[in-house]
Structures are given as structure tokens and as C-alpha cells.
């Protein structure tokens, strides 16, 4: 997967992944989504962001977490 909207620069924000050199952390965007913010709310609060930035931040976080999905047992 290609992440063309995510930038990492050692001298900027301690090398943490950012959205398009905007100094908006991928982590911040992911946390807002996890807190229940809609894409529209995020875009209103961060006018420099685009919808594709949010989507790619979520994709990047998912890829970075290397999550394995295990089926759950039905509780009896």
C-alpha cells in the first residue's frame, strides 16, 4: 500500500507521521475518529485537511498496528 499523504521527517514533530507536511499528526486524526468525531467535524476543525487525508491516516494506522483478527467464540 502506498501512503502518499503521510510524511515523516526526523526534524519535524520528532519524526512522527504527519499528514502532507501540515504538522497534523496521523495519531491526532486517528484519535479524533476513535473519539467519535465525524469526518465532517474533523474537516471543519482542520480546514487544511482533506477527506482522503483522514482515510489514509486510518489506513496507515491499521497497517502500522499489524493487527491479526481472530474469530471470537459465542458466549454460552
PDB file of N, CA and C in Angstrom:
ATOM      1  N   UNK A   1       0.846  -1.181   0.000  1.00  0.00           N
ATOM      2  CA  UNK A   1       0.000   0.000   0.000  1.00  0.00           C
ATOM      3  C   UNK A   1       0.887   1.238   0.000  1.00  0.00           C
ATOM      4  N   UNK A   2       0.502   2.210  -0.779  1.00  0.00           N
ATOM      5  CA  UNK A   2       1.278   3.438  -0.887  1.00  0.00           C
ATOM      6  C   UNK A   2       0.614   4.544  -0.072  1.00  0.00           C
ATOM      7  N   UNK A   3       1.407   5.215   0.739  1.00  0.00           N
ATOM      8  CA  UNK A   3       0.899   6.294   1.589  1.00  0.00           C
ATOM      9  C   UNK A   3       1.486   7.614   1.108  1.00  0.00           C
ATOM     10  N   UNK A   4       0.887   8.192   0.088  1.00  0.00           N
ATOM     11  CA  UNK A   4       1.422   9.404  -0.495  1.00  0.00           C
ATOM     12  C   UNK A   4       0.991  10.668   0.244  1.00  0.00           C
ATOM     13  N   UNK A   5       0.113  10.544   1.232  1.00  0.00           N
ATOM     14  CA  UNK A   5      -0.327  11.699   2.014  1.00  0.00           C
ATOM     15  C   UNK A   5       0.321  11.734   3.399  1.00  0.00           C
ATOM     16  N   UNK A   6       1.116  10.734   3.707  1.00  0.00           N
ATOM     17  CA  UNK A   6       1.775  10.646   5.011  1.00  0.00           C
ATOM     18  C   UNK A   6       3.245  10.999   4.829  1.00  0.00           C
ATOM     19  N   UNK A   7       3.734  11.913   5.670  1.00  0.00           N
ATOM     20  CA  UNK A   7       5.139  12.298   5.614  1.00  0.00           C
ATOM     21  C   UNK A   7       5.779  12.066   6.979  1.00  0.00           C
ATOM     22  N   UNK A   8       7.054  11.725   6.925  1.00  0.00           N
ATOM     23  CA  UNK A   8       7.840  11.546   8.150  1.00  0.00           C
ATOM     24  C   UNK A   8       9.167  12.249   7.932  1.00  0.00           C
ATOM     25  N   UNK A   9       9.433  13.236   8.770  1.00  0.00           N
ATOM     26  CA  UNK A   9      10.686  13.973   8.692  1.00  0.00           C
ATOM     27  C   UNK A   9      11.306  14.015  10.085  1.00  0.00           C
ATOM     28  N   UNK A  10      12.543  13.540  10.220  1.00  0.00           N
ATOM     29  CA  UNK A  10      13.177  13.473  11.541  1.00  0.00           C
ATOM     30  C   UNK A  10      13.214  14.799  12.292  1.00  0.00           C
ATOM     31  N   UNK A  11      13.320  15.920  11.569  1.00  0.00           N
ATOM     32  CA  UNK A  11      13.438  17.221  12.219  1.00  0.00           C
ATOM     33  C   UNK A  11      12.093  17.906  12.439  1.00  0.00           C
ATOM     34  N   UNK A  12      10.993  17.225  12.115  1.00  0.00           N
ATOM     35  CA  UNK A  12       9.668  17.813  12.264  1.00  0.00           C
ATOM     36  C   UNK A  12       8.821  16.931  13.175  1.00  0.00           C
ATOM     37  N   UNK A  13       8.339  17.499  14.268  1.00  0.00           N
ATOM     38  CA  UNK A  13       7.482  16.788  15.227  1.00  0.00           C
ATOM     39  C   UNK A  13       8.087  15.461  15.659  1.00  0.00           C
ATOM     40  N   UNK A  14       9.390  15.493  15.913  1.00  0.00           N
ATOM     41  CA  UNK A  14      10.142  14.332  16.401  1.00  0.00           C
ATOM     42  C   UNK A  14      10.016  13.115  15.489  1.00  0.00           C
ATOM     43  N   UNK A  15       9.835  13.358  14.203  1.00  0.00           N
ATOM     44  CA  UNK A  15       9.788  12.265  13.242  1.00  0.00           C
ATOM     45  C   UNK A  15       8.500  11.464  13.240  1.00  0.00           C
ATOM     46  N   UNK A  16       7.467  11.979  13.885  1.00  0.00           N
ATOM     47  CA  UNK A  16       6.191  11.271  13.902  1.00  0.00           C
ATOM     48  C   UNK A  16       5.472  11.449  12.565  1.00  0.00           C
ATOM     49  N   UNK A  17       4.709  10.444  12.144  1.00  0.00           N
ATOM     50  CA  UNK A  17       3.992  10.550  10.877  1.00  0.00           C
ATOM     51  C   UNK A  17       2.974  11.690  10.895  1.00  0.00           C
ATOM     52  N   UNK A  18       3.012  12.510   9.847  1.00  0.00           N
ATOM     53  CA  UNK A  18       2.133  13.668   9.708  1.00  0.00           C
ATOM     54  C   UNK A  18       1.349  13.569   8.403  1.00  0.00           C
ATOM     55  N   UNK A  19       0.336  14.382   8.312  1.00  0.00           N
ATOM     56  CA  UNK A  19      -0.442  14.487   7.091  1.00  0.00           C
ATOM     57  C   UNK A  19       0.181  15.555   6.198  1.00  0.00           C
ATOM     58  N   UNK A  20       0.651  15.191   5.029  1.00  0.00           N
ATOM     59  CA  UNK A  20       1.137  16.103   3.984  1.00  0.00           C
ATOM     60  C   UNK A  20       1.946  17.297   4.491  1.00  0.00           C
ATOM     61  N   UNK A  21       2.867  17.106   5.358  1.00  0.00           N
ATOM     62  CA  UNK A  21       3.709  18.212   5.858  1.00  0.00           C
ATOM     63  C   UNK A  21       2.919  19.314   6.551  1.00  0.00           C
ATOM     64  N   UNK A  22       1.711  19.017   7.015  1.00  0.00           N
ATOM     65  CA  UNK A  22       0.871  20.036   7.639  1.00  0.00           C
ATOM     66  C   UNK A  22       1.104  20.185   9.138  1.00  0.00           C
ATOM     67  N   UNK A  23       1.973  19.367   9.699  1.00  0.00           N
ATOM     68  CA  UNK A  23       2.182  19.342  11.150  1.00  0.00           C
ATOM     69  C   UNK A  23       0.919  18.905  11.892  1.00  0.00           C
ATOM     70  N   UNK A  24       0.133  18.103  11.227  1.00  0.00           N
ATOM     71  CA  UNK A  24      -1.023  17.455  11.851  1.00  0.00           C
ATOM     72  C   UNK A  24      -0.680  15.975  11.929  1.00  0.00           C
ATOM     73  N   UNK A  25      -0.569  15.476  13.145  1.00  0.00           N
ATOM     74  CA  UNK A  25      -0.146  14.089  13.344  1.00  0.00           C
ATOM     75  C   UNK A  25      -1.204  13.095  12.893  1.00  0.00           C
ATOM     76  N   UNK A  26      -0.752  12.009  12.284  1.00  0.00           N
ATOM     77  CA  UNK A  26      -1.640  10.900  11.961  1.00  0.00           C
ATOM     78  C   UNK A  26      -2.338  10.444  13.239  1.00  0.00           C
ATOM     79  N   UNK A  27      -1.584  10.353  14.321  1.00  0.00           N
ATOM     80  CA  UNK A  27      -2.128   9.922  15.609  1.00  0.00           C
ATOM     81  C   UNK A  27      -3.294  10.808  16.047  1.00  0.00           C
ATOM     82  N   UNK A  28      -3.167  12.104  15.869  1.00  0.00           N
ATOM     83  CA  UNK A  28      -4.237  13.028  16.264  1.00  0.00           C
ATOM     84  C   UNK A  28      -5.513  12.769  15.481  1.00  0.00           C
ATOM     85  N   UNK A  29      -5.369  12.558  14.189  1.00  0.00           N
ATOM     86  CA  UNK A  29      -6.539  12.295  13.346  1.00  0.00           C
ATOM     87  C   UNK A  29      -7.203  10.987  13.750  1.00  0.00           C
ATOM     88  N   UNK A  30      -6.400   9.960  13.963  1.00  0.00           N
ATOM     89  CA  UNK A  30      -6.937   8.652  14.354  1.00  0.00           C
ATOM     90  C   UNK A  30      -7.642   8.751  15.708  1.00  0.00           C
ATOM     91  N   UNK A  31      -7.070   9.482  16.635  1.00  0.00           N
ATOM     92  CA  UNK A  31      -7.701   9.651  17.948  1.00  0.00           C
ATOM     93  C   UNK A  31      -9.043  10.383  17.853  1.00  0.00           C
ATOM     94  N   UNK A  32      -9.127  11.367  16.973  1.00  0.00           N
ATOM     95  CA  UNK A  32     -10.395  12.082  16.790  1.00  0.00           C
ATOM     96  C   UNK A  32     -11.473  11.139  16.263  1.00  0.00           C
ATOM     97  N   UNK A  33     -11.122  10.313  15.285  1.00  0.00           N
ATOM     98  CA  UNK A  33     -12.081   9.337  14.755  1.00  0.00           C
ATOM     99  C   UNK A  33     -12.486   8.365  15.855  1.00  0.00           C
ATOM    100  N   UNK A  34     -11.515   7.885  16.623  1.00  0.00           N
ATOM    101  CA  UNK A  34     -11.802   6.943  17.714  1.00  0.00           C
ATOM    102  C   UNK A  34     -12.689   7.576  18.785  1.00  0.00           C
ATOM    103  N   UNK A  35     -12.581   8.893  18.946  1.00  0.00           N
ATOM    104  CA  UNK A  35     -13.397   9.602  19.941  1.00  0.00           C
ATOM    105  C   UNK A  35     -14.804   9.888  19.428  1.00  0.00           C
ATOM    106  N   UNK A  36     -15.077   9.490  18.191  1.00  0.00           N
ATOM    107  CA  UNK A  36     -16.423   9.647  17.665  1.00  0.00           C
ATOM    108  C   UNK A  36     -16.645  10.844  16.757  1.00  0.00           C
ATOM    109  N   UNK A  37     -15.585  11.585  16.459  1.00  0.00           N
ATOM    110  CA  UNK A  37     -15.737  12.720  15.562  1.00  0.00           C
ATOM    111  C   UNK A  37     -16.041  12.213  14.159  1.00  0.00           C
ATOM    112  N   UNK A  38     -16.939  12.870  13.463  1.00  0.00           N
ATOM    113  CA  UNK A  38     -17.219  12.529  12.071  1.00  0.00           C
ATOM    114  C   UNK A  38     -16.139  13.163  11.185  1.00  0.00           C
ATOM    115  N   UNK A  39     -16.040  12.665   9.972  1.00  0.00           N
ATOM    116  CA  UNK A  39     -15.109  13.267   9.019  1.00  0.00           C
ATOM    117  C   UNK A  39     -15.437  14.746   8.852  1.00  0.00           C
ATOM    118  N   UNK A  40     -16.719  15.067   8.793  1.00  0.00           N
ATOM    119  CA  UNK A  40     -17.130  16.461   8.600  1.00  0.00           C
ATOM    120  C   UNK A  40     -16.665  17.343   9.758  1.00  0.00           C
ATOM    121  N   UNK A  41     -16.775  16.844  10.984  1.00  0.00           N
ATOM    122  CA  UNK A  41     -16.327  17.616  12.155  1.00  0.00           C
ATOM    123  C   UNK A  41     -14.816  17.847  12.109  1.00  0.00           C
ATOM    124  N   UNK A  42     -14.084  16.823  11.722  1.00  0.00           N
ATOM    125  CA  UNK A  42     -12.626  16.954  11.635  1.00  0.00           C
ATOM    126  C   UNK A  42     -12.259  17.971  10.556  1.00  0.00           C
ATOM    127  N   UNK A  43     -12.909  17.863   9.403  1.00  0.00           N
ATOM    128  CA  UNK A  43     -12.612  18.786   8.308  1.00  0.00           C
ATOM    129  C   UNK A  43     -12.978  20.223   8.652  1.00  0.00           C
ATOM    130  N   UNK A  44     -14.016  20.422   9.430  1.00  0.00           N
ATOM    131  CA  UNK A  44     -14.371  21.774   9.890  1.00  0.00           C
ATOM    132  C   UNK A  44     -13.315  22.335  10.832  1.00  0.00           C
ATOM    133  N   UNK A  45     -12.818  21.487  11.725  1.00  0.00           N
ATOM    134  CA  UNK A  45     -11.832  21.931  12.714  1.00  0.00           C
ATOM    135  C   UNK A  45     -10.434  22.079  12.125  1.00  0.00           C
ATOM    136  N   UNK A  46     -10.145  21.349  11.063  1.00  0.00           N
ATOM    137  CA  UNK A  46      -8.835  21.379  10.411  1.00  0.00           C
ATOM    138  C   UNK A  46      -9.051  21.653   8.916  1.00  0.00           C
ATOM    139  N   UNK A  47      -9.274  22.897   8.532  1.00  0.00           N
ATOM    140  CA  UNK A  47      -9.628  23.224   7.152  1.00  0.00           C
ATOM    141  C   UNK A  47      -8.575  22.839   6.105  1.00  0.00           C
ATOM    142  N   UNK A  48      -7.338  22.634   6.520  1.00  0.00           N
ATOM    143  CA  UNK A  48      -6.297  22.232   5.564  1.00  0.00           C
ATOM    144  C   UNK A  48      -6.361  20.742   5.233  1.00  0.00           C
ATOM    145  N   UNK A  49      -7.082  19.981   6.039  1.00  0.00           N
ATOM    146  CA  UNK A  49      -7.210  18.550   5.775  1.00  0.00           C
ATOM    147  C   UNK A  49      -8.228  18.296   4.672  1.00  0.00           C
ATOM    148  N   UNK A  50      -8.039  17.178   4.007  1.00  0.00           N
ATOM    149  CA  UNK A  50      -8.987  16.703   3.006  1.00  0.00           C
ATOM    150  C   UNK A  50      -9.495  15.333   3.450  1.00  0.00           C
ATOM    151  N   UNK A  51     -10.643  14.965   2.951  1.00  0.00           N
ATOM    152  CA  UNK A  51     -11.258  13.674   3.302  1.00  0.00           C
ATOM    153  C   UNK A  51     -10.277  12.517   3.065  1.00  0.00           C
ATOM    154  N   UNK A  52      -9.553  12.557   1.953  1.00  0.00           N
ATOM    155  CA  UNK A  52      -8.585  11.490   1.655  1.00  0.00           C
ATOM    156  C   UNK A  52      -7.456  11.435   2.686  1.00  0.00           C
ATOM    157  N   UNK A  53      -7.136  12.569   3.312  1.00  0.00           N
ATOM    158  CA  UNK A  53      -6.114  12.576   4.372  1.00  0.00           C
ATOM    159  C   UNK A  53      -6.577  11.735   5.560  1.00  0.00           C
ATOM    160  N   UNK A  54      -7.825  11.900   5.928  1.00  0.00           N
ATOM    161  CA  UNK A  54      -8.369  11.158   7.072  1.00  0.00           C
ATOM    162  C   UNK A  54      -8.395   9.669   6.760  1.00  0.00           C
ATOM    163  N   UNK A  55      -8.878   9.336   5.575  1.00  0.00           N
ATOM    164  CA  UNK A  55      -8.933   7.929   5.175  1.00  0.00           C
ATOM    165  C   UNK A  55      -7.542   7.314   5.181  1.00  0.00           C
ATOM    166  N   UNK A  56      -6.567   8.017   4.628  1.00  0.00           N
ATOM    167  CA  UNK A  56      -5.223   7.465   4.575  1.00  0.00           C
ATOM    168  C   UNK A  56      -4.584   7.384   5.963  1.00  0.00           C
ATOM    169  N   UNK A  57      -4.904   8.310   6.846  1.00  0.00           N
ATOM    170  CA  UNK A  57      -4.400   8.235   8.219  1.00  0.00           C
ATOM    171  C   UNK A  57      -4.901   6.957   8.893  1.00  0.00           C
ATOM    172  N   UNK A  58      -6.168   6.625   8.673  1.00  0.00           N
ATOM    173  CA  UNK A  58      -6.722   5.394   9.245  1.00  0.00           C
ATOM    174  C   UNK A  58      -6.081   4.159   8.622  1.00  0.00           C
ATOM    175  N   UNK A  59      -5.873   4.175   7.319  1.00  0.00           N
ATOM    176  CA  UNK A  59      -5.219   3.057   6.642  1.00  0.00           C
ATOM    177  C   UNK A  59      -3.786   2.886   7.136  1.00  0.00           C
ATOM    178  N   UNK A  60      -3.084   4.000   7.313  1.00  0.00           N
ATOM    179  CA  UNK A  60      -1.710   3.965   7.802  1.00  0.00           C
ATOM    180  C   UNK A  60      -1.651   3.379   9.211  1.00  0.00           C
ATOM    181  N   UNK A  61      -2.556   3.825  10.071  1.00  0.00           N
ATOM    182  CA  UNK A  61      -2.589   3.324  11.446  1.00  0.00           C
ATOM    183  C   UNK A  61      -2.886   1.829  11.475  1.00  0.00           C
ATOM    184  N   UNK A  62      -3.796   1.386  10.620  1.00  0.00           N
ATOM    185  CA  UNK A  62      -4.117  -0.041  10.564  1.00  0.00           C
ATOM    186  C   UNK A  62      -2.907  -0.843  10.097  1.00  0.00           C
ATOM    187  N   UNK A  63      -2.220  -0.352   9.079  1.00  0.00           N
ATOM    188  CA  UNK A  63      -1.041  -1.050   8.576  1.00  0.00           C
ATOM    189  C   UNK A  63       0.077  -1.053   9.612  1.00  0.00           C
ATOM    190  N   UNK A  64       0.229   0.047  10.316  1.00  0.00           N
ATOM    191  CA  UNK A  64       1.297   0.154  11.316  1.00  0.00           C
ATOM    192  C   UNK A  64       1.049  -0.728  12.528  1.00  0.00           C
ATOM    193  N   UNK A  65      -0.209  -1.003  12.816  1.00  0.00           N
ATOM    194  CA  UNK A  65      -0.516  -1.806  14.007  1.00  0.00           C
ATOM    195  C   UNK A  65      -0.332  -3.293  13.763  1.00  0.00           C
ATOM    196  N   UNK A  66      -0.304  -3.711  12.489  1.00  0.00           N
ATOM    197  CA  UNK A  66      -0.090  -5.121  12.151  1.00  0.00           C
ATOM    198  C   UNK A  66      -1.040  -6.019  12.929  1.00  0.00           C
ATOM    199  N   UNK A  67      -2.303  -5.693  12.867  1.00  0.00           N
ATOM    200  CA  UNK A  67      -3.332  -6.387  13.640  1.00  0.00           C
ATOM    201  C   UNK A  67      -3.691  -7.723  12.997  1.00  0.00           C
ATOM    202  N   UNK A  68      -3.836  -8.721  13.836  1.00  0.00           N
ATOM    203  CA  UNK A  68      -4.333 -10.020  13.408  1.00  0.00           C
ATOM    204  C   UNK A  68      -5.740 -10.175  13.966  1.00  0.00           C
ATOM    205  N   UNK A  69      -6.644 -10.628  13.146  1.00  0.00           N
ATOM    206  CA  UNK A  69      -8.021 -10.799  13.574  1.00  0.00           C
ATOM    207  C   UNK A  69      -8.259 -12.280  13.882  1.00  0.00           C
ATOM    208  N   UNK A  70      -8.785 -12.521  15.069  1.00  0.00           N
ATOM    209  CA  UNK A  70      -9.079 -13.877  15.499  1.00  0.00           C
ATOM    210  C   UNK A  70     -10.577 -13.993  15.717  1.00  0.00           C
ATOM    211  N   UNK A  71     -11.177 -15.094  15.253  1.00  0.00           N
ATOM    212  CA  UNK A  71     -12.609 -15.259  15.471  1.00  0.00           C
ATOM    213  C   UNK A  71     -12.918 -15.396  16.960  1.00  0.00           C
ATOM    214  N   UNK A  72     -14.028 -14.814  17.383  1.00  0.00           N
ATOM    215  CA  UNK A  72     -14.440 -14.888  18.780  1.00  0.00           C
ATOM    216  C   UNK A  72     -15.415 -16.040  18.970  1.00  0.00           C
ATOM    217  N   UNK A  73     -15.371 -16.627  20.130  1.00  0.00           N
ATOM    218  CA  UNK A  73     -16.328 -17.674  20.453  1.00  0.00           C
ATOM    219  C   UNK A  73     -17.628 -17.034  20.868  1.00  0.00           C
ATOM    220  N   UNK A  74     -18.728 -17.693  20.549  1.00  0.00           N
ATOM    221  CA  UNK A  74     -20.012 -17.234  21.047  1.00  0.00           C
ATOM    222  C   UNK A  74     -20.075 -17.548  22.539  1.00  0.00           C
ATOM    223  N   UNK A  75     -20.543 -16.578  23.316  1.00  0.00           N
ATOM    224  CA  UNK A  75     -20.670 -16.849  24.752  1.00  0.00           C
ATOM    225  C   UNK A  75     -21.953 -17.666  24.984  1.00  0.00           C
ATOM    226  N   UNK A  76     -21.848 -18.610  25.861  1.00  0.00           N
ATOM    227  CA  UNK A  76     -22.987 -19.504  26.105  1.00  0.00           C
ATOM    228  C   UNK A  76     -23.886 -18.984  27.184  1.00  0.00           C
TER     229      UNK A  76
END
